[in-house]
């Protein structure tokens, strides 16, 4: 099962966001709807129902952590965008690193500096 598989209805998702903080009240489903309107989270739709994945839940937790320290939703959007770009660049770097290692191995370790 993938962490991107939509599993949870909005009411369950709202409870899961704070499951590790049992003394806090769950977030309101309306908060999740607002995050969706703002483009911060994009649950899958099945008919009229929103279904949230584990990855969506983790993203909402991250959003909550930023808003709790005073970052507004526009700031959260910028932070999340930058983090996604960073993750993409890191993935691309890893692919390049693996290709360079493979090339060195195939060339017998010879130095190909220009």
C-alpha atoms as a PDB file:
ATOM      1  CA  UNK A   1       0.000   0.000   0.000  1.00  0.00           C
ATOM      2  CA  UNK A   2       1.321   3.403  -1.040  1.00  0.00           C
ATOM      3  CA  UNK A   3       1.395   6.465   1.221  1.00  0.00           C
ATOM      4  CA  UNK A   4      -0.409   8.256  -1.621  1.00  0.00           C
ATOM      5  CA  UNK A   5      -3.402   5.905  -1.657  1.00  0.00           C
ATOM      6  CA  UNK A   6      -6.564   7.814  -0.685  1.00  0.00           C
ATOM      7  CA  UNK A   7      -8.033   6.077   2.348  1.00  0.00           C
ATOM      8  CA  UNK A   8      -9.584   8.502   4.820  1.00  0.00           C
ATOM      9  CA  UNK A   9     -12.728  10.574   4.721  1.00  0.00           C
ATOM     10  CA  UNK A  10     -12.446  14.163   5.864  1.00  0.00           C
ATOM     11  CA  UNK A  11     -13.707  13.457   9.399  1.00  0.00           C
ATOM     12  CA  UNK A  12     -11.206  10.623   9.906  1.00  0.00           C
ATOM     13  CA  UNK A  13      -8.415  12.683   8.349  1.00  0.00           C
ATOM     14  CA  UNK A  14      -9.153  15.548  10.751  1.00  0.00           C
ATOM     15  CA  UNK A  15      -8.736  13.170  13.701  1.00  0.00           C
ATOM     16  CA  UNK A  16      -5.573  11.580  12.319  1.00  0.00           C
ATOM     17  CA  UNK A  17      -3.771  14.903  11.987  1.00  0.00           C
ATOM     18  CA  UNK A  18      -3.440  15.125  15.772  1.00  0.00           C
ATOM     19  CA  UNK A  19      -3.503  11.446  16.722  1.00  0.00           C
ATOM     20  CA  UNK A  20      -0.036  11.808  18.255  1.00  0.00           C
ATOM     21  CA  UNK A  21      -1.371  14.635  20.469  1.00  0.00           C
ATOM     22  CA  UNK A  22      -4.282  13.031  22.345  1.00  0.00           C
ATOM     23  CA  UNK A  23      -4.696  16.012  24.695  1.00  0.00           C
ATOM     24  CA  UNK A  24      -5.446  18.365  21.802  1.00  0.00           C
ATOM     25  CA  UNK A  25      -8.798  18.483  20.085  1.00  0.00           C
ATOM     26  CA  UNK A  26      -8.854  17.244  16.492  1.00  0.00           C
ATOM     27  CA  UNK A  27      -8.752  19.890  13.826  1.00  0.00           C
ATOM     28  CA  UNK A  28     -12.125  20.767  12.355  1.00  0.00           C
ATOM     29  CA  UNK A  29     -12.953  19.299   8.939  1.00  0.00           C
ATOM     30  CA  UNK A  30     -13.634  22.867   7.814  1.00  0.00           C
ATOM     31  CA  UNK A  31      -9.929  23.562   8.341  1.00  0.00           C
ATOM     32  CA  UNK A  32      -9.109  20.820   5.848  1.00  0.00           C
ATOM     33  CA  UNK A  33     -11.592  22.329   3.393  1.00  0.00           C
ATOM     34  CA  UNK A  34      -9.924  25.723   3.813  1.00  0.00           C
ATOM     35  CA  UNK A  35      -6.478  24.208   3.191  1.00  0.00           C
ATOM     36  CA  UNK A  36      -7.875  22.654   0.023  1.00  0.00           C
ATOM     37  CA  UNK A  37      -9.378  25.991  -1.134  1.00  0.00           C
ATOM     38  CA  UNK A  38      -5.992  27.632  -0.537  1.00  0.00           C
ATOM     39  CA  UNK A  39      -4.277  24.934  -2.625  1.00  0.00           C
ATOM     40  CA  UNK A  40      -2.238  23.614   0.296  1.00  0.00           C
ATOM     41  CA  UNK A  41      -3.612  20.087   0.133  1.00  0.00           C
ATOM     42  CA  UNK A  42      -5.315  18.255  -2.699  1.00  0.00           C
ATOM     43  CA  UNK A  43      -7.264  15.203  -1.521  1.00  0.00           C
ATOM     44  CA  UNK A  44      -8.611  12.856  -4.135  1.00  0.00           C
ATOM     45  CA  UNK A  45     -12.317  13.155  -4.884  1.00  0.00           C
ATOM     46  CA  UNK A  46     -14.550  10.116  -5.155  1.00  0.00           C
ATOM     47  CA  UNK A  47     -17.955  11.441  -6.049  1.00  0.00           C
ATOM     48  CA  UNK A  48     -18.609  14.202  -3.535  1.00  0.00           C
ATOM     49  CA  UNK A  49     -16.278  12.732  -0.927  1.00  0.00           C
ATOM     50  CA  UNK A  50     -12.746  13.884  -0.272  1.00  0.00           C
ATOM     51  CA  UNK A  51     -10.359  11.032   0.467  1.00  0.00           C
ATOM     52  CA  UNK A  52      -7.045  11.774   2.149  1.00  0.00           C
ATOM     53  CA  UNK A  53      -3.894   9.677   1.884  1.00  0.00           C
ATOM     54  CA  UNK A  54      -1.239   9.206   4.554  1.00  0.00           C
ATOM     55  CA  UNK A  55       0.880  11.660   2.589  1.00  0.00           C
ATOM     56  CA  UNK A  56      -1.963  14.221   2.723  1.00  0.00           C
ATOM     57  CA  UNK A  57      -2.232  13.710   6.487  1.00  0.00           C
ATOM     58  CA  UNK A  58       1.509  14.307   6.884  1.00  0.00           C
ATOM     59  CA  UNK A  59       1.269  17.436   4.748  1.00  0.00           C
ATOM     60  CA  UNK A  60      -1.565  18.787   6.923  1.00  0.00           C
ATOM     61  CA  UNK A  61       0.553  18.095  10.014  1.00  0.00           C
ATOM     62  CA  UNK A  62       3.352  20.109   8.439  1.00  0.00           C
ATOM     63  CA  UNK A  63       0.920  22.941   7.620  1.00  0.00           C
ATOM     64  CA  UNK A  64      -0.309  22.901  11.212  1.00  0.00           C
ATOM     65  CA  UNK A  65       3.229  23.066  12.578  1.00  0.00           C
ATOM     66  CA  UNK A  66       3.961  26.174  10.510  1.00  0.00           C
ATOM     67  CA  UNK A  67       0.711  27.933  11.368  1.00  0.00           C
ATOM     68  CA  UNK A  68       1.223  27.198  15.075  1.00  0.00           C
ATOM     69  CA  UNK A  69       4.475  29.180  15.005  1.00  0.00           C
ATOM     70  CA  UNK A  70       2.781  32.123  13.317  1.00  0.00           C
ATOM     71  CA  UNK A  71       3.320  31.524   9.595  1.00  0.00           C
ATOM     72  CA  UNK A  72       0.288  32.620   7.583  1.00  0.00           C
ATOM     73  CA  UNK A  73      -1.163  30.379   4.851  1.00  0.00           C
ATOM     74  CA  UNK A  74       0.576  32.259   2.024  1.00  0.00           C
ATOM     75  CA  UNK A  75       3.856  31.751   3.835  1.00  0.00           C
ATOM     76  CA  UNK A  76       3.050  28.082   4.336  1.00  0.00           C
ATOM     77  CA  UNK A  77       2.377  27.742   0.601  1.00  0.00           C
ATOM     78  CA  UNK A  78       5.759  29.292  -0.184  1.00  0.00           C
ATOM     79  CA  UNK A  79       7.566  27.060   2.323  1.00  0.00           C
ATOM     80  CA  UNK A  80       5.901  23.912   0.983  1.00  0.00           C
ATOM     81  CA  UNK A  81       6.706  24.908  -2.605  1.00  0.00           C
ATOM     82  CA  UNK A  82      10.356  25.489  -1.729  1.00  0.00           C
ATOM     83  CA  UNK A  83      10.560  22.178   0.131  1.00  0.00           C
ATOM     84  CA  UNK A  84       9.076  20.344  -2.863  1.00  0.00           C
ATOM     85  CA  UNK A  85      11.581  22.024  -5.196  1.00  0.00           C
ATOM     86  CA  UNK A  86      14.428  21.119  -2.845  1.00  0.00           C
ATOM     87  CA  UNK A  87      13.270  17.497  -2.756  1.00  0.00           C
ATOM     88  CA  UNK A  88      13.135  17.449  -6.562  1.00  0.00           C
ATOM     89  CA  UNK A  89      16.646  18.898  -6.878  1.00  0.00           C
ATOM     90  CA  UNK A  90      17.962  16.384  -4.345  1.00  0.00           C
ATOM     91  CA  UNK A  91      16.394  13.538  -6.341  1.00  0.00           C
ATOM     92  CA  UNK A  92      17.935  14.850  -9.550  1.00  0.00           C
ATOM     93  CA  UNK A  93      21.320  15.155  -7.850  1.00  0.00           C
ATOM     94  CA  UNK A  94      21.090  11.566  -6.649  1.00  0.00           C
ATOM     95  CA  UNK A  95      20.363  10.368 -10.189  1.00  0.00           C
ATOM     96  CA  UNK A  96      23.376  12.323 -11.469  1.00  0.00           C
ATOM     97  CA  UNK A  97      25.552  11.004  -8.633  1.00  0.00           C
ATOM     98  CA  UNK A  98      24.577   7.420  -9.479  1.00  0.00           C
ATOM     99  CA  UNK A  99      25.241   8.008 -13.186  1.00  0.00           C
ATOM    100  CA  UNK A 100      28.667   9.484 -12.402  1.00  0.00           C
ATOM    101  CA  UNK A 101      29.523   6.501 -10.192  1.00  0.00           C
ATOM    102  CA  UNK A 102      28.390   4.103 -12.900  1.00  0.00           C
ATOM    103  CA  UNK A 103      30.417   5.995 -15.536  1.00  0.00           C
ATOM    104  CA  UNK A 104      33.543   5.897 -13.351  1.00  0.00           C
ATOM    105  CA  UNK A 105      33.082   2.173 -12.783  1.00  0.00           C
ATOM    106  CA  UNK A 106      32.581   1.510 -16.495  1.00  0.00           C
ATOM    107  CA  UNK A 107      35.629   3.593 -17.441  1.00  0.00           C
ATOM    108  CA  UNK A 108      37.807   1.745 -14.987  1.00  0.00           C
ATOM    109  CA  UNK A 109      38.156   4.716 -12.671  1.00  0.00           C
ATOM    110  CA  UNK A 110      40.022   6.844 -15.244  1.00  0.00           C
ATOM    111  CA  UNK A 111      39.756  10.558 -14.635  1.00  0.00           C
ATOM    112  CA  UNK A 112      37.835  12.387 -17.364  1.00  0.00           C
ATOM    113  CA  UNK A 113      38.345  15.946 -16.174  1.00  0.00           C
ATOM    114  CA  UNK A 114      38.320  18.528 -18.941  1.00  0.00           C
END
